[in-house]
Structures are given as structure tokens and as C-alpha cells.
């Protein structure tokens, strides 16, 4: 896989990683898409404004925090498009055997 910085590449997951590290790396890479980042920001703002309710507990303020929604799922056949940067080349090389890459 040729990973030149500043190029846009579409990746498709061809097989599932055997260990949790690979799944976490793929999930982190999939969350780097601009449309997913926008959705995560909107959900974080909603949690901050409405979903995290402060209550009094033992005379102190306690905030019951809602768990964040996962917008991406690491499944065979899922695809994502990224602009390659030098910072993510190492992550991509560590999971390249699970991905099929096409120039976008």
C-alpha cells in the first residue's frame, strides 16, 4: 500500500483483526473522517447541555455522565475515506493487512 502524505484514500475492511489493539486502531482511524468528527462534536455538545444531569449526592454536586455514542463500527465491508498525514501512517501500516486501499 503506497501511503503518500496529503493524498486521499478510501479504505475497506477486508477481515477482522484478531486482537483488540487492531480493532481499536481501526476504530480510531474511522473516527478521523470529517463527517464523523462533526457528529461526535454534536453529540458531545448535546451530552454537555442536556444529558449529563447534576444531582446532589452526599451534600456535593455529582454529575451522572452519559456514555458517548459510538458512531463507527468495525465490521468487514465497512469503508472510510481519509486524507493521509505523516502522523497516521504508522497506524495505517500496523493494520494494513486488514484493509483494502483505493485512491479516492
PDB file of N, CA and C in Angstrom:
ATOM      1  N   UNK A   1       0.854  -1.172   0.000  1.00  0.00           N
ATOM      2  CA  UNK A   1       0.000   0.000   0.000  1.00  0.00           C
ATOM      3  C   UNK A   1       0.900   1.235   0.000  1.00  0.00           C
ATOM      4  N   UNK A   2       0.728   2.107  -0.989  1.00  0.00           N
ATOM      5  CA  UNK A   2       1.527   3.325  -1.092  1.00  0.00           C
ATOM      6  C   UNK A   2       0.799   4.443  -0.361  1.00  0.00           C
ATOM      7  N   UNK A   3       1.380   4.929   0.724  1.00  0.00           N
ATOM      8  CA  UNK A   3       0.748   5.950   1.557  1.00  0.00           C
ATOM      9  C   UNK A   3       1.530   7.247   1.457  1.00  0.00           C
ATOM     10  N   UNK A   4       1.202   8.048   0.463  1.00  0.00           N
ATOM     11  CA  UNK A   4       1.853   9.338   0.295  1.00  0.00           C
ATOM     12  C   UNK A   4       1.092  10.386   1.103  1.00  0.00           C
ATOM     13  N   UNK A   5       1.802  11.211   1.873  1.00  0.00           N
ATOM     14  CA  UNK A   5       1.112  12.255   2.635  1.00  0.00           C
ATOM     15  C   UNK A   5       0.335  13.201   1.724  1.00  0.00           C
ATOM     16  N   UNK A   6      -0.742  13.704   2.229  1.00  0.00           N
ATOM     17  CA  UNK A   6      -1.648  14.652   1.556  1.00  0.00           C
ATOM     18  C   UNK A   6      -2.471  14.000   0.456  1.00  0.00           C
ATOM     19  N   UNK A   7      -2.511  12.682   0.385  1.00  0.00           N
ATOM     20  CA  UNK A   7      -3.363  12.014  -0.591  1.00  0.00           C
ATOM     21  C   UNK A   7      -4.613  11.504   0.117  1.00  0.00           C
ATOM     22  N   UNK A   8      -5.693  11.386  -0.637  1.00  0.00           N
ATOM     23  CA  UNK A   8      -6.953  10.903  -0.082  1.00  0.00           C
ATOM     24  C   UNK A   8      -7.162   9.468  -0.539  1.00  0.00           C
ATOM     25  N   UNK A   9      -7.407   8.588   0.432  1.00  0.00           N
ATOM     26  CA  UNK A   9      -7.519   7.157   0.155  1.00  0.00           C
ATOM     27  C   UNK A   9      -8.778   6.621   0.823  1.00  0.00           C
ATOM     28  N   UNK A  10      -9.486   5.738   0.113  1.00  0.00           N
ATOM     29  CA  UNK A  10     -10.645   5.048   0.673  1.00  0.00           C
ATOM     30  C   UNK A  10     -10.222   3.644   1.076  1.00  0.00           C
ATOM     31  N   UNK A  11     -10.460   3.320   2.324  1.00  0.00           N
ATOM     32  CA  UNK A  11     -10.103   2.012   2.867  1.00  0.00           C
ATOM     33  C   UNK A  11     -11.365   1.196   3.095  1.00  0.00           C
ATOM     34  N   UNK A  12     -11.292  -0.105   2.817  1.00  0.00           N
ATOM     35  CA  UNK A  12     -12.378  -1.042   3.093  1.00  0.00           C
ATOM     36  C   UNK A  12     -11.817  -2.153   3.970  1.00  0.00           C
ATOM     37  N   UNK A  13     -12.536  -2.492   5.026  1.00  0.00           N
ATOM     38  CA  UNK A  13     -12.087  -3.546   5.931  1.00  0.00           C
ATOM     39  C   UNK A  13     -12.367  -4.889   5.272  1.00  0.00           C
ATOM     40  N   UNK A  14     -11.316  -5.690   5.065  1.00  0.00           N
ATOM     41  CA  UNK A  14     -11.453  -6.986   4.401  1.00  0.00           C
ATOM     42  C   UNK A  14     -11.536  -8.140   5.390  1.00  0.00           C
ATOM     43  N   UNK A  15     -10.929  -7.999   6.553  1.00  0.00           N
ATOM     44  CA  UNK A  15     -11.016  -9.031   7.587  1.00  0.00           C
ATOM     45  C   UNK A  15     -10.875  -8.364   8.946  1.00  0.00           C
ATOM     46  N   UNK A  16     -11.378  -9.046   9.961  1.00  0.00           N
ATOM     47  CA  UNK A  16     -11.335  -8.500  11.314  1.00  0.00           C
ATOM     48  C   UNK A  16      -9.984  -8.808  11.961  1.00  0.00           C
ATOM     49  N   UNK A  17      -9.438  -7.828  12.692  1.00  0.00           N
ATOM     50  CA  UNK A  17      -8.202  -8.094  13.432  1.00  0.00           C
ATOM     51  C   UNK A  17      -8.439  -9.152  14.509  1.00  0.00           C
ATOM     52  N   UNK A  18      -7.419  -9.917  14.795  1.00  0.00           N
ATOM     53  CA  UNK A  18      -7.527 -10.987  15.787  1.00  0.00           C
ATOM     54  C   UNK A  18      -7.436 -10.456  17.215  1.00  0.00           C
ATOM     55  N   UNK A  19      -6.825  -9.289  17.390  1.00  0.00           N
ATOM     56  CA  UNK A  19      -6.647  -8.756  18.737  1.00  0.00           C
ATOM     57  C   UNK A  19      -7.392  -7.420  18.893  1.00  0.00           C
ATOM     58  N   UNK A  20      -7.580  -7.022  20.127  1.00  0.00           N
ATOM     59  CA  UNK A  20      -8.318  -5.790  20.421  1.00  0.00           C
ATOM     60  C   UNK A  20      -7.547  -4.542  19.994  1.00  0.00           C
ATOM     61  N   UNK A  21      -6.209  -4.627  19.978  1.00  0.00           N
ATOM     62  CA  UNK A  21      -5.411  -3.470  19.555  1.00  0.00           C
ATOM     63  C   UNK A  21      -5.730  -3.063  18.132  1.00  0.00           C
ATOM     64  N   UNK A  22      -5.853  -4.040  17.232  1.00  0.00           N
ATOM     65  CA  UNK A  22      -6.169  -3.742  15.842  1.00  0.00           C
ATOM     66  C   UNK A  22      -7.553  -3.145  15.689  1.00  0.00           C
ATOM     67  N   UNK A  23      -8.514  -3.654  16.453  1.00  0.00           N
ATOM     68  CA  UNK A  23      -9.874  -3.115  16.394  1.00  0.00           C
ATOM     69  C   UNK A  23      -9.891  -1.675  16.879  1.00  0.00           C
ATOM     70  N   UNK A  24      -9.166  -1.385  17.959  1.00  0.00           N
ATOM     71  CA  UNK A  24      -9.108  -0.017  18.482  1.00  0.00           C
ATOM     72  C   UNK A  24      -8.448   0.927  17.484  1.00  0.00           C
ATOM     73  N   UNK A  25      -7.398   0.454  16.820  1.00  0.00           N
ATOM     74  CA  UNK A  25      -6.718   1.285  15.829  1.00  0.00           C
ATOM     75  C   UNK A  25      -7.645   1.592  14.661  1.00  0.00           C
ATOM     76  N   UNK A  26      -8.365   0.588  14.176  1.00  0.00           N
ATOM     77  CA  UNK A  26      -9.305   0.816  13.078  1.00  0.00           C
ATOM     78  C   UNK A  26     -10.417   1.773  13.505  1.00  0.00           C
ATOM     79  N   UNK A  27     -10.926   1.607  14.715  1.00  0.00           N
ATOM     80  CA  UNK A  27     -11.985   2.499  15.210  1.00  0.00           C
ATOM     81  C   UNK A  27     -11.470   3.934  15.287  1.00  0.00           C
ATOM     82  N   UNK A  28     -10.238   4.111  15.765  1.00  0.00           N
ATOM     83  CA  UNK A  28      -9.658   5.451  15.869  1.00  0.00           C
ATOM     84  C   UNK A  28      -9.471   6.071  14.482  1.00  0.00           C
ATOM     85  N   UNK A  29      -9.023   5.271  13.512  1.00  0.00           N
ATOM     86  CA  UNK A  29      -8.856   5.788  12.152  1.00  0.00           C
ATOM     87  C   UNK A  29     -10.201   6.147  11.532  1.00  0.00           C
ATOM     88  N   UNK A  30     -11.221   5.313  11.770  1.00  0.00           N
ATOM     89  CA  UNK A  30     -12.542   5.595  11.202  1.00  0.00           C
ATOM     90  C   UNK A  30     -13.146   6.867  11.809  1.00  0.00           C
ATOM     91  N   UNK A  31     -12.818   7.170  13.056  1.00  0.00           N
ATOM     92  CA  UNK A  31     -13.347   8.387  13.691  1.00  0.00           C
ATOM     93  C   UNK A  31     -12.683   9.645  13.171  1.00  0.00           C
ATOM     94  N   UNK A  32     -11.628   9.530  12.365  1.00  0.00           N
ATOM     95  CA  UNK A  32     -10.938  10.711  11.830  1.00  0.00           C
ATOM     96  C   UNK A  32     -11.629  11.310  10.616  1.00  0.00           C
ATOM     97  N   UNK A  33     -12.680  10.695  10.120  1.00  0.00           N
ATOM     98  CA  UNK A  33     -13.397  11.237   8.971  1.00  0.00           C
ATOM     99  C   UNK A  33     -14.095  12.538   9.374  1.00  0.00           C
ATOM    100  N   UNK A  34     -14.103  13.549   8.509  1.00  0.00           N
ATOM    101  CA  UNK A  34     -14.709  14.829   8.871  1.00  0.00           C
ATOM    102  C   UNK A  34     -16.190  14.726   9.248  1.00  0.00           C
ATOM    103  N   UNK A  35     -16.970  13.902   8.536  1.00  0.00           N
ATOM    104  CA  UNK A  35     -18.396  13.821   8.862  1.00  0.00           C
ATOM    105  C   UNK A  35     -18.626  13.119  10.198  1.00  0.00           C
ATOM    106  N   UNK A  36     -17.754  12.184  10.559  1.00  0.00           N
ATOM    107  CA  UNK A  36     -17.854  11.522  11.863  1.00  0.00           C
ATOM    108  C   UNK A  36     -17.430  12.491  12.962  1.00  0.00           C
ATOM    109  N   UNK A  37     -16.380  13.280  12.710  1.00  0.00           N
ATOM    110  CA  UNK A  37     -15.947  14.285  13.674  1.00  0.00           C
ATOM    111  C   UNK A  37     -17.071  15.283  13.968  1.00  0.00           C
ATOM    112  N   UNK A  38     -17.806  15.674  12.928  1.00  0.00           N
ATOM    113  CA  UNK A  38     -18.917  16.602  13.109  1.00  0.00           C
ATOM    114  C   UNK A  38     -20.002  15.969  13.987  1.00  0.00           C
ATOM    115  N   UNK A  39     -20.320  14.715  13.712  1.00  0.00           N
ATOM    116  CA  UNK A  39     -21.324  14.022  14.517  1.00  0.00           C
ATOM    117  C   UNK A  39     -20.896  13.858  15.960  1.00  0.00           C
ATOM    118  N   UNK A  40     -19.617  13.522  16.179  1.00  0.00           N
ATOM    119  CA  UNK A  40     -19.109  13.382  17.541  1.00  0.00           C
ATOM    120  C   UNK A  40     -19.170  14.709  18.289  1.00  0.00           C
ATOM    121  N   UNK A  41     -18.845  15.801  17.602  1.00  0.00           N
ATOM    122  CA  UNK A  41     -18.899  17.119  18.237  1.00  0.00           C
ATOM    123  C   UNK A  41     -20.335  17.477  18.618  1.00  0.00           C
ATOM    124  N   UNK A  42     -21.290  17.169  17.740  1.00  0.00           N
ATOM    125  CA  UNK A  42     -22.697  17.470  18.045  1.00  0.00           C
ATOM    126  C   UNK A  42     -23.187  16.640  19.226  1.00  0.00           C
ATOM    127  N   UNK A  43     -22.816  15.362  19.271  1.00  0.00           N
ATOM    128  CA  UNK A  43     -23.226  14.510  20.382  1.00  0.00           C
ATOM    129  C   UNK A  43     -22.580  14.951  21.691  1.00  0.00           C
ATOM    130  N   UNK A  44     -21.317  15.370  21.636  1.00  0.00           N
ATOM    131  CA  UNK A  44     -20.646  15.852  22.844  1.00  0.00           C
ATOM    132  C   UNK A  44     -21.317  17.115  23.366  1.00  0.00           C
ATOM    133  N   UNK A  45     -21.699  18.002  22.452  1.00  0.00           N
ATOM    134  CA  UNK A  45     -22.387  19.229  22.859  1.00  0.00           C
ATOM    135  C   UNK A  45     -23.742  18.897  23.487  1.00  0.00           C
ATOM    136  N   UNK A  46     -24.462  17.936  22.901  1.00  0.00           N
ATOM    137  CA  UNK A  46     -25.758  17.541  23.459  1.00  0.00           C
ATOM    138  C   UNK A  46     -25.603  16.925  24.858  1.00  0.00           C
ATOM    139  N   UNK A  47     -24.587  16.072  25.013  1.00  0.00           N
ATOM    140  CA  UNK A  47     -24.351  15.481  26.334  1.00  0.00           C
ATOM    141  C   UNK A  47     -24.047  16.553  27.356  1.00  0.00           C
ATOM    142  N   UNK A  48     -23.212  17.507  26.971  1.00  0.00           N
ATOM    143  CA  UNK A  48     -22.825  18.575  27.891  1.00  0.00           C
ATOM    144  C   UNK A  48     -24.023  19.437  28.283  1.00  0.00           C
ATOM    145  N   UNK A  49     -24.932  19.712  27.331  1.00  0.00           N
ATOM    146  CA  UNK A  49     -26.042  20.622  27.592  1.00  0.00           C
ATOM    147  C   UNK A  49     -27.244  19.941  28.243  1.00  0.00           C
ATOM    148  N   UNK A  50     -27.560  18.705  27.826  1.00  0.00           N
ATOM    149  CA  UNK A  50     -28.821  18.111  28.241  1.00  0.00           C
ATOM    150  C   UNK A  50     -28.694  16.796  28.999  1.00  0.00           C
ATOM    151  N   UNK A  51     -27.776  15.932  28.591  1.00  0.00           N
ATOM    152  CA  UNK A  51     -27.791  14.557  29.069  1.00  0.00           C
ATOM    153  C   UNK A  51     -27.047  14.340  30.383  1.00  0.00           C
ATOM    154  N   UNK A  52     -26.003  15.120  30.671  1.00  0.00           N
ATOM    155  CA  UNK A  52     -25.266  14.973  31.927  1.00  0.00           C
ATOM    156  C   UNK A  52     -25.965  15.806  32.986  1.00  0.00           C
ATOM    157  N   UNK A  53     -26.722  15.135  33.853  1.00  0.00           N
ATOM    158  CA  UNK A  53     -27.530  15.825  34.848  1.00  0.00           C
ATOM    159  C   UNK A  53     -26.819  15.901  36.192  1.00  0.00           C
ATOM    160  N   UNK A  54     -26.613  17.123  36.704  1.00  0.00           N
ATOM    161  CA  UNK A  54     -26.032  17.233  38.048  1.00  0.00           C
ATOM    162  C   UNK A  54     -27.089  16.953  39.115  1.00  0.00           C
ATOM    163  N   UNK A  55     -26.703  16.206  40.127  1.00  0.00           N
ATOM    164  CA  UNK A  55     -27.570  15.931  41.264  1.00  0.00           C
ATOM    165  C   UNK A  55     -26.769  16.152  42.541  1.00  0.00           C
ATOM    166  N   UNK A  56     -27.475  16.236  43.644  1.00  0.00           N
ATOM    167  CA  UNK A  56     -26.799  16.346  44.925  1.00  0.00           C
ATOM    168  C   UNK A  56     -26.624  14.952  45.491  1.00  0.00           C
ATOM    169  N   UNK A  57     -25.405  14.659  45.880  1.00  0.00           N
ATOM    170  CA  UNK A  57     -25.099  13.338  46.417  1.00  0.00           C
ATOM    171  C   UNK A  57     -24.131  13.530  47.582  1.00  0.00           C
ATOM    172  N   UNK A  58     -24.579  13.203  48.766  1.00  0.00           N
ATOM    173  CA  UNK A  58     -23.798  13.369  49.995  1.00  0.00           C
ATOM    174  C   UNK A  58     -23.386  14.824  50.186  1.00  0.00           C
ATOM    175  N   UNK A  59     -24.282  15.732  49.826  1.00  0.00           N
ATOM    176  CA  UNK A  59     -24.022  17.152  50.027  1.00  0.00           C
ATOM    177  C   UNK A  59     -23.132  17.785  48.981  1.00  0.00           C
ATOM    178  N   UNK A  60     -22.739  17.061  47.975  1.00  0.00           N
ATOM    179  CA  UNK A  60     -21.886  17.601  46.909  1.00  0.00           C
ATOM    180  C   UNK A  60     -22.576  17.420  45.562  1.00  0.00           C
ATOM    181  N   UNK A  61     -22.135  18.191  44.601  1.00  0.00           N
ATOM    182  CA  UNK A  61     -22.673  18.063  43.250  1.00  0.00           C
ATOM    183  C   UNK A  61     -22.051  16.832  42.596  1.00  0.00           C
ATOM    184  N   UNK A  62     -22.891  15.983  42.042  1.00  0.00           N
ATOM    185  CA  UNK A  62     -22.460  14.772  41.348  1.00  0.00           C
ATOM    186  C   UNK A  62     -23.050  14.816  39.953  1.00  0.00           C
ATOM    187  N   UNK A  63     -22.223  14.639  38.949  1.00  0.00           N
ATOM    188  CA  UNK A  63     -22.711  14.646  37.574  1.00  0.00           C
ATOM    189  C   UNK A  63     -22.730  13.212  37.071  1.00  0.00           C
ATOM    190  N   UNK A  64     -23.915  12.734  36.762  1.00  0.00           N
ATOM    191  CA  UNK A  64     -24.069  11.392  36.209  1.00  0.00           C
ATOM    192  C   UNK A  64     -23.860  11.505  34.706  1.00  0.00           C
ATOM    193  N   UNK A  65     -22.705  11.072  34.238  1.00  0.00           N
ATOM    194  CA  UNK A  65     -22.326  11.267  32.836  1.00  0.00           C
ATOM    195  C   UNK A  65     -22.854  10.138  31.963  1.00  0.00           C
ATOM    196  N   UNK A  66     -23.449  10.523  30.838  1.00  0.00           N
ATOM    197  CA  UNK A  66     -23.941   9.557  29.868  1.00  0.00           C
ATOM    198  C   UNK A  66     -22.770   9.034  29.047  1.00  0.00           C
ATOM    199  N   UNK A  67     -22.807   7.744  28.727  1.00  0.00           N
ATOM    200  CA  UNK A  67     -21.741   7.152  27.910  1.00  0.00           C
ATOM    201  C   UNK A  67     -21.829   7.687  26.482  1.00  0.00           C
ATOM    202  N   UNK A  68     -20.676   7.973  25.850  1.00  0.00           N
ATOM    203  CA  UNK A  68     -20.719   8.506  24.487  1.00  0.00           C
ATOM    204  C   UNK A  68     -21.192   7.462  23.476  1.00  0.00           C
ATOM    205  N   UNK A  69     -21.894   7.931  22.467  1.00  0.00           N
ATOM    206  CA  UNK A  69     -22.385   7.081  21.396  1.00  0.00           C
ATOM    207  C   UNK A  69     -21.243   6.739  20.450  1.00  0.00           C
ATOM    208  N   UNK A  70     -21.178   5.487  20.022  1.00  0.00           N
ATOM    209  CA  UNK A  70     -20.177   5.069  19.059  1.00  0.00           C
ATOM    210  C   UNK A  70     -20.774   5.225  17.657  1.00  0.00           C
ATOM    211  N   UNK A  71     -20.210   6.118  16.855  1.00  0.00           N
ATOM    212  CA  UNK A  71     -20.744   6.384  15.521  1.00  0.00           C
ATOM    213  C   UNK A  71     -20.174   5.444  14.453  1.00  0.00           C
ATOM    214  N   UNK A  72     -19.072   4.794  14.743  1.00  0.00           N
ATOM    215  CA  UNK A  72     -18.473   3.902  13.757  1.00  0.00           C
ATOM    216  C   UNK A  72     -18.433   2.484  14.319  1.00  0.00           C
ATOM    217  N   UNK A  73     -18.563   1.521  13.420  1.00  0.00           N
ATOM    218  CA  UNK A  73     -18.478   0.117  13.804  1.00  0.00           C
ATOM    219  C   UNK A  73     -17.416  -0.551  12.942  1.00  0.00           C
ATOM    220  N   UNK A  74     -16.555  -1.309  13.573  1.00  0.00           N
ATOM    221  CA  UNK A  74     -15.502  -2.025  12.857  1.00  0.00           C
ATOM    222  C   UNK A  74     -16.073  -3.376  12.436  1.00  0.00           C
ATOM    223  N   UNK A  75     -16.513  -3.454  11.184  1.00  0.00           N
ATOM    224  CA  UNK A  75     -17.091  -4.666  10.619  1.00  0.00           C
ATOM    225  C   UNK A  75     -16.498  -4.903   9.234  1.00  0.00           C
ATOM    226  N   UNK A  76     -16.462  -6.152   8.818  1.00  0.00           N
ATOM    227  CA  UNK A  76     -15.969  -6.485   7.480  1.00  0.00           C
ATOM    228  C   UNK A  76     -16.909  -5.840   6.453  1.00  0.00           C
ATOM    229  N   UNK A  77     -16.336  -5.141   5.481  1.00  0.00           N
ATOM    230  CA  UNK A  77     -17.115  -4.487   4.445  1.00  0.00           C
ATOM    231  C   UNK A  77     -17.306  -2.992   4.682  1.00  0.00           C
ATOM    232  N   UNK A  78     -17.076  -2.518   5.896  1.00  0.00           N
ATOM    233  CA  UNK A  78     -17.190  -1.081   6.170  1.00  0.00           C
ATOM    234  C   UNK A  78     -16.051  -0.351   5.468  1.00  0.00           C
ATOM    235  N   UNK A  79     -16.329   0.856   4.980  1.00  0.00           N
ATOM    236  CA  UNK A  79     -15.282   1.626   4.318  1.00  0.00           C
ATOM    237  C   UNK A  79     -15.233   3.029   4.900  1.00  0.00           C
ATOM    238  N   UNK A  80     -14.077   3.649   4.779  1.00  0.00           N
ATOM    239  CA  UNK A  80     -13.883   5.013   5.267  1.00  0.00           C
ATOM    240  C   UNK A  80     -12.822   5.692   4.411  1.00  0.00           C
ATOM    241  N   UNK A  81     -12.922   7.004   4.312  1.00  0.00           N
ATOM    242  CA  UNK A  81     -12.023   7.795   3.479  1.00  0.00           C
ATOM    243  C   UNK A  81     -11.234   8.749   4.365  1.00  0.00           C
ATOM    244  N   UNK A  82      -9.923   8.736   4.194  1.00  0.00           N
ATOM    245  CA  UNK A  82      -9.049   9.587   4.992  1.00  0.00           C
ATOM    246  C   UNK A  82      -8.072  10.340   4.107  1.00  0.00           C
ATOM    247  N   UNK A  83      -7.689  11.522   4.571  1.00  0.00           N
ATOM    248  CA  UNK A  83      -6.564  12.216   3.968  1.00  0.00           C
ATOM    249  C   UNK A  83      -5.331  11.782   4.761  1.00  0.00           C
ATOM    250  N   UNK A  84      -4.350  11.227   4.071  1.00  0.00           N
ATOM    251  CA  UNK A  84      -3.178  10.670   4.723  1.00  0.00           C
ATOM    252  C   UNK A  84      -2.289  11.798   5.233  1.00  0.00           C
ATOM    253  N   UNK A  85      -1.889  11.698   6.499  1.00  0.00           N
ATOM    254  CA  UNK A  85      -0.939  12.631   7.103  1.00  0.00           C
ATOM    255  C   UNK A  85       0.218  11.808   7.665  1.00  0.00           C
ATOM    256  N   UNK A  86       1.372  12.417   7.854  1.00  0.00           N
ATOM    257  CA  UNK A  86       2.504  11.663   8.407  1.00  0.00           C
ATOM    258  C   UNK A  86       2.219  11.071   9.791  1.00  0.00           C
ATOM    259  N   UNK A  87       1.320  11.690  10.552  1.00  0.00           N
ATOM    260  CA  UNK A  87       1.029  11.212  11.901  1.00  0.00           C
ATOM    261  C   UNK A  87       0.285   9.880  11.911  1.00  0.00           C
ATOM    262  N   UNK A  88      -0.488   9.572  10.870  1.00  0.00           N
ATOM    263  CA  UNK A  88      -1.292   8.347  10.897  1.00  0.00           C
ATOM    264  C   UNK A  88      -0.717   7.232  10.032  1.00  0.00           C
ATOM    265  N   UNK A  89       0.403   7.479   9.379  1.00  0.00           N
ATOM    266  CA  UNK A  89       0.984   6.444   8.514  1.00  0.00           C
ATOM    267  C   UNK A  89       1.366   5.205   9.329  1.00  0.00           C
ATOM    268  N   UNK A  90       1.915   5.386  10.518  1.00  0.00           N
ATOM    269  CA  UNK A  90       2.279   4.248  11.365  1.00  0.00           C
ATOM    270  C   UNK A  90       1.067   3.416  11.754  1.00  0.00           C
ATOM    271  N   UNK A  91      -0.042   4.084  12.097  1.00  0.00           N
ATOM    272  CA  UNK A  91      -1.273   3.361  12.439  1.00  0.00           C
ATOM    273  C   UNK A  91      -1.792   2.579  11.237  1.00  0.00           C
ATOM    274  N   UNK A  92      -1.757   3.202  10.071  1.00  0.00           N
ATOM    275  CA  UNK A  92      -2.243   2.524   8.870  1.00  0.00           C
ATOM    276  C   UNK A  92      -1.379   1.312   8.527  1.00  0.00           C
ATOM    277  N   UNK A  93      -0.070   1.428   8.694  1.00  0.00           N
ATOM    278  CA  UNK A  93       0.810   0.293   8.397  1.00  0.00           C
ATOM    279  C   UNK A  93       0.599  -0.847   9.379  1.00  0.00           C
ATOM    280  N   UNK A  94       0.195  -0.524  10.611  1.00  0.00           N
ATOM    281  CA  UNK A  94       0.000  -1.592  11.594  1.00  0.00           C
ATOM    282  C   UNK A  94      -1.252  -2.415  11.310  1.00  0.00           C
ATOM    283  N   UNK A  95      -2.224  -1.848  10.574  1.00  0.00           N
ATOM    284  CA  UNK A  95      -3.466  -2.575  10.277  1.00  0.00           C
ATOM    285  C   UNK A  95      -3.676  -2.772   8.784  1.00  0.00           C
ATOM    286  N   UNK A  96      -2.636  -2.601   7.962  1.00  0.00           N
ATOM    287  CA  UNK A  96      -2.796  -2.668   6.522  1.00  0.00           C
ATOM    288  C   UNK A  96      -3.219  -4.040   6.023  1.00  0.00           C
ATOM    289  N   UNK A  97      -2.902  -5.093   6.769  1.00  0.00           N
ATOM    290  CA  UNK A  97      -3.295  -6.435   6.302  1.00  0.00           C
ATOM    291  C   UNK A  97      -4.795  -6.680   6.425  1.00  0.00           C
ATOM    292  N   UNK A  98      -5.494  -5.823   7.152  1.00  0.00           N
ATOM    293  CA  UNK A  98      -6.941  -5.942   7.302  1.00  0.00           C
ATOM    294  C   UNK A  98      -7.695  -5.000   6.367  1.00  0.00           C
ATOM    295  N   UNK A  99      -6.975  -4.186   5.576  1.00  0.00           N
ATOM    296  CA  UNK A  99      -7.592  -3.138   4.774  1.00  0.00           C
ATOM    297  C   UNK A  99      -7.297  -3.327   3.291  1.00  0.00           C
ATOM    298  N   UNK A 100      -8.219  -2.844   2.481  1.00  0.00           N
ATOM    299  CA  UNK A 100      -8.023  -2.731   1.038  1.00  0.00           C
ATOM    300  C   UNK A 100      -8.082  -1.253   0.712  1.00  0.00           C
ATOM    301  N   UNK A 101      -7.063  -0.710   0.062  1.00  0.00           N
ATOM    302  CA  UNK A 101      -6.965   0.723  -0.182  1.00  0.00           C
ATOM    303  C   UNK A 101      -7.186   1.047  -1.654  1.00  0.00           C
ATOM    304  N   UNK A 102      -7.927   2.140  -1.901  1.00  0.00           N
ATOM    305  CA  UNK A 102      -8.133   2.670  -3.248  1.00  0.00           C
ATOM    306  C   UNK A 102      -7.986   4.170  -3.186  1.00  0.00           C
ATOM    307  N   UNK A 103      -7.307   4.728  -4.184  1.00  0.00           N
ATOM    308  CA  UNK A 103      -7.174   6.183  -4.254  1.00  0.00           C
ATOM    309  C   UNK A 103      -8.536   6.802  -4.513  1.00  0.00           C
ATOM    310  N   UNK A 104      -8.858   7.843  -3.776  1.00  0.00           N
ATOM    311  CA  UNK A 104     -10.163   8.471  -3.929  1.00  0.00           C
ATOM    312  C   UNK A 104     -10.093   9.693  -4.805  1.00  0.00           C
TER     313      UNK A 104
END
